[in-house]
């Protein structure tokens, strides 16, 4: 039986932004991914969770598919944090949702 997938997006700890900015970013993404999960009907057999870790390194998109012991798919994706923090709240929310959508779309295309 397929169940809805739980999504999570966060800023990697190694990213060169201050801790308070990383906390602000992670809180925003937590709120938006919960809304996404609530209204999404995304179901993929064998997956329970998609964890997207954003990095400031350029041109990164790595996928680590779930193994038998863990139904979690890990995605590492490039993100422009400098641009994010100068945007308005509406634009920040929009870019987070677009990043979430594009990461899942790219994952599905690569599978």
C-alpha atoms as a PDB file:
ATOM      1  CA  UNK A   1       0.000   0.000   0.000  1.00  0.00           C
ATOM      2  CA  UNK A   2       1.321   3.418  -0.955  1.00  0.00           C
ATOM      3  CA  UNK A   3       1.178   6.201   1.603  1.00  0.00           C
ATOM      4  CA  UNK A   4       1.648   9.915   1.131  1.00  0.00           C
ATOM      5  CA  UNK A   5       5.260  10.986   1.106  1.00  0.00           C
ATOM      6  CA  UNK A   6       6.586  13.280   3.804  1.00  0.00           C
ATOM      7  CA  UNK A   7       8.896  15.974   2.410  1.00  0.00           C
ATOM      8  CA  UNK A   8      11.589  17.885   4.244  1.00  0.00           C
ATOM      9  CA  UNK A   9      13.854  20.665   2.987  1.00  0.00           C
ATOM     10  CA  UNK A  10      16.742  22.225   4.867  1.00  0.00           C
ATOM     11  CA  UNK A  11      19.925  24.204   4.512  1.00  0.00           C
ATOM     12  CA  UNK A  12      23.064  22.104   4.923  1.00  0.00           C
ATOM     13  CA  UNK A  13      25.114  22.949   8.017  1.00  0.00           C
ATOM     14  CA  UNK A  14      28.224  23.491   5.885  1.00  0.00           C
ATOM     15  CA  UNK A  15      26.638  26.425   4.026  1.00  0.00           C
ATOM     16  CA  UNK A  16      28.426  29.686   4.744  1.00  0.00           C
ATOM     17  CA  UNK A  17      25.512  31.660   6.202  1.00  0.00           C
ATOM     18  CA  UNK A  18      25.055  32.731   9.830  1.00  0.00           C
ATOM     19  CA  UNK A  19      23.236  30.344  12.163  1.00  0.00           C
ATOM     20  CA  UNK A  20      20.322  32.749  12.690  1.00  0.00           C
ATOM     21  CA  UNK A  21      19.758  32.988   8.911  1.00  0.00           C
ATOM     22  CA  UNK A  22      19.970  29.197   8.541  1.00  0.00           C
ATOM     23  CA  UNK A  23      17.418  28.802  11.366  1.00  0.00           C
ATOM     24  CA  UNK A  24      15.097  31.345   9.713  1.00  0.00           C
ATOM     25  CA  UNK A  25      15.412  29.524   6.395  1.00  0.00           C
ATOM     26  CA  UNK A  26      14.794  26.084   7.908  1.00  0.00           C
ATOM     27  CA  UNK A  27      11.721  27.310   9.809  1.00  0.00           C
ATOM     28  CA  UNK A  28      10.258  28.770   6.604  1.00  0.00           C
ATOM     29  CA  UNK A  29      10.885  25.591   4.656  1.00  0.00           C
ATOM     30  CA  UNK A  30       9.406  23.452   7.462  1.00  0.00           C
ATOM     31  CA  UNK A  31       6.163  25.439   7.345  1.00  0.00           C
ATOM     32  CA  UNK A  32       5.930  25.333   3.546  1.00  0.00           C
ATOM     33  CA  UNK A  33       6.805  21.649   3.161  1.00  0.00           C
ATOM     34  CA  UNK A  34       4.131  20.790   5.730  1.00  0.00           C
ATOM     35  CA  UNK A  35       1.579  22.727   3.665  1.00  0.00           C
ATOM     36  CA  UNK A  36       2.849  21.023   0.520  1.00  0.00           C
ATOM     37  CA  UNK A  37       2.451  17.608   2.149  1.00  0.00           C
ATOM     38  CA  UNK A  38      -1.039  18.459   3.368  1.00  0.00           C
ATOM     39  CA  UNK A  39      -2.309  19.347  -0.109  1.00  0.00           C
ATOM     40  CA  UNK A  40      -0.177  16.958  -2.143  1.00  0.00           C
ATOM     41  CA  UNK A  41      -1.175  13.445  -3.065  1.00  0.00           C
ATOM     42  CA  UNK A  42       2.358  12.395  -4.050  1.00  0.00           C
ATOM     43  CA  UNK A  43       2.790   8.653  -3.583  1.00  0.00           C
ATOM     44  CA  UNK A  44       5.736   6.577  -4.792  1.00  0.00           C
ATOM     45  CA  UNK A  45       6.013   2.918  -3.914  1.00  0.00           C
ATOM     46  CA  UNK A  46       8.880   2.279  -1.495  1.00  0.00           C
ATOM     47  CA  UNK A  47       9.246   5.934  -0.454  1.00  0.00           C
ATOM     48  CA  UNK A  48       8.142   7.392   2.875  1.00  0.00           C
ATOM     49  CA  UNK A  49      10.170  10.575   2.914  1.00  0.00           C
ATOM     50  CA  UNK A  50      12.048  12.881   0.565  1.00  0.00           C
ATOM     51  CA  UNK A  51      14.768  14.908   2.262  1.00  0.00           C
ATOM     52  CA  UNK A  52      16.099  17.821   0.213  1.00  0.00           C
ATOM     53  CA  UNK A  53      19.307  19.390   1.493  1.00  0.00           C
ATOM     54  CA  UNK A  54      20.200  22.679  -0.140  1.00  0.00           C
ATOM     55  CA  UNK A  55      23.779  23.761  -0.615  1.00  0.00           C
ATOM     56  CA  UNK A  56      25.510  26.910  -1.830  1.00  0.00           C
ATOM     57  CA  UNK A  57      27.730  24.877  -4.174  1.00  0.00           C
ATOM     58  CA  UNK A  58      26.977  25.421  -7.848  1.00  0.00           C
ATOM     59  CA  UNK A  59      25.378  22.855 -10.145  1.00  0.00           C
ATOM     60  CA  UNK A  60      24.746  20.186  -7.527  1.00  0.00           C
ATOM     61  CA  UNK A  61      21.929  17.708  -7.916  1.00  0.00           C
ATOM     62  CA  UNK A  62      22.619  14.342  -6.312  1.00  0.00           C
ATOM     63  CA  UNK A  63      20.027  11.720  -5.510  1.00  0.00           C
ATOM     64  CA  UNK A  64      20.483   8.926  -3.002  1.00  0.00           C
ATOM     65  CA  UNK A  65      17.559   6.581  -3.460  1.00  0.00           C
ATOM     66  CA  UNK A  66      16.083   4.639  -0.553  1.00  0.00           C
ATOM     67  CA  UNK A  67      17.649   1.359   0.433  1.00  0.00           C
ATOM     68  CA  UNK A  68      15.859  -1.622   1.905  1.00  0.00           C
ATOM     69  CA  UNK A  69      16.575  -0.476   5.450  1.00  0.00           C
ATOM     70  CA  UNK A  70      15.460   3.136   5.000  1.00  0.00           C
ATOM     71  CA  UNK A  71      12.588   4.422   2.819  1.00  0.00           C
ATOM     72  CA  UNK A  72      14.129   7.931   2.648  1.00  0.00           C
ATOM     73  CA  UNK A  73      15.295   9.547  -0.585  1.00  0.00           C
ATOM     74  CA  UNK A  74      18.049  12.136  -0.063  1.00  0.00           C
ATOM     75  CA  UNK A  75      18.487  14.937  -2.581  1.00  0.00           C
ATOM     76  CA  UNK A  76      21.323  17.475  -2.528  1.00  0.00           C
ATOM     77  CA  UNK A  77      20.559  20.557  -4.621  1.00  0.00           C
ATOM     78  CA  UNK A  78      22.178  23.920  -5.347  1.00  0.00           C
ATOM     79  CA  UNK A  79      20.452  27.007  -3.965  1.00  0.00           C
ATOM     80  CA  UNK A  80      21.248  30.737  -4.134  1.00  0.00           C
ATOM     81  CA  UNK A  81      21.025  31.777  -0.480  1.00  0.00           C
ATOM     82  CA  UNK A  82      22.387  35.291  -1.136  1.00  0.00           C
ATOM     83  CA  UNK A  83      19.512  36.034  -3.493  1.00  0.00           C
ATOM     84  CA  UNK A  84      16.956  34.364  -1.201  1.00  0.00           C
ATOM     85  CA  UNK A  85      17.616  36.649   1.768  1.00  0.00           C
ATOM     86  CA  UNK A  86      17.061  39.856  -0.240  1.00  0.00           C
ATOM     87  CA  UNK A  87      13.638  38.773  -1.541  1.00  0.00           C
ATOM     88  CA  UNK A  88      10.268  39.759  -0.120  1.00  0.00           C
ATOM     89  CA  UNK A  89       8.397  37.230   2.034  1.00  0.00           C
ATOM     90  CA  UNK A  90       6.089  36.335  -0.863  1.00  0.00           C
ATOM     91  CA  UNK A  91       9.039  35.798  -3.212  1.00  0.00           C
ATOM     92  CA  UNK A  92      10.859  33.712  -0.574  1.00  0.00           C
ATOM     93  CA  UNK A  93       7.853  31.426  -0.209  1.00  0.00           C
ATOM     94  CA  UNK A  94       7.506  31.160  -3.963  1.00  0.00           C
ATOM     95  CA  UNK A  95      11.178  30.248  -4.494  1.00  0.00           C
ATOM     96  CA  UNK A  96      11.046  27.605  -1.749  1.00  0.00           C
ATOM     97  CA  UNK A  97       7.959  25.969  -3.273  1.00  0.00           C
ATOM     98  CA  UNK A  98       9.470  26.138  -6.773  1.00  0.00           C
ATOM     99  CA  UNK A  99      12.681  24.545  -5.481  1.00  0.00           C
ATOM    100  CA  UNK A 100      10.709  21.798  -3.729  1.00  0.00           C
ATOM    101  CA  UNK A 101       8.628  21.108  -6.836  1.00  0.00           C
ATOM    102  CA  UNK A 102      11.635  21.126  -9.188  1.00  0.00           C
ATOM    103  CA  UNK A 103      13.692  18.823  -6.951  1.00  0.00           C
ATOM    104  CA  UNK A 104      10.886  16.246  -6.800  1.00  0.00           C
ATOM    105  CA  UNK A 105      10.260  16.592 -10.543  1.00  0.00           C
ATOM    106  CA  UNK A 106      13.976  16.080 -11.345  1.00  0.00           C
ATOM    107  CA  UNK A 107      14.091  13.089  -8.986  1.00  0.00           C
ATOM    108  CA  UNK A 108      11.123  11.469 -10.730  1.00  0.00           C
ATOM    109  CA  UNK A 109      12.635  12.111 -14.181  1.00  0.00           C
ATOM    110  CA  UNK A 110      15.959  10.518 -13.145  1.00  0.00           C
ATOM    111  CA  UNK A 111      14.210   7.468 -11.732  1.00  0.00           C
END
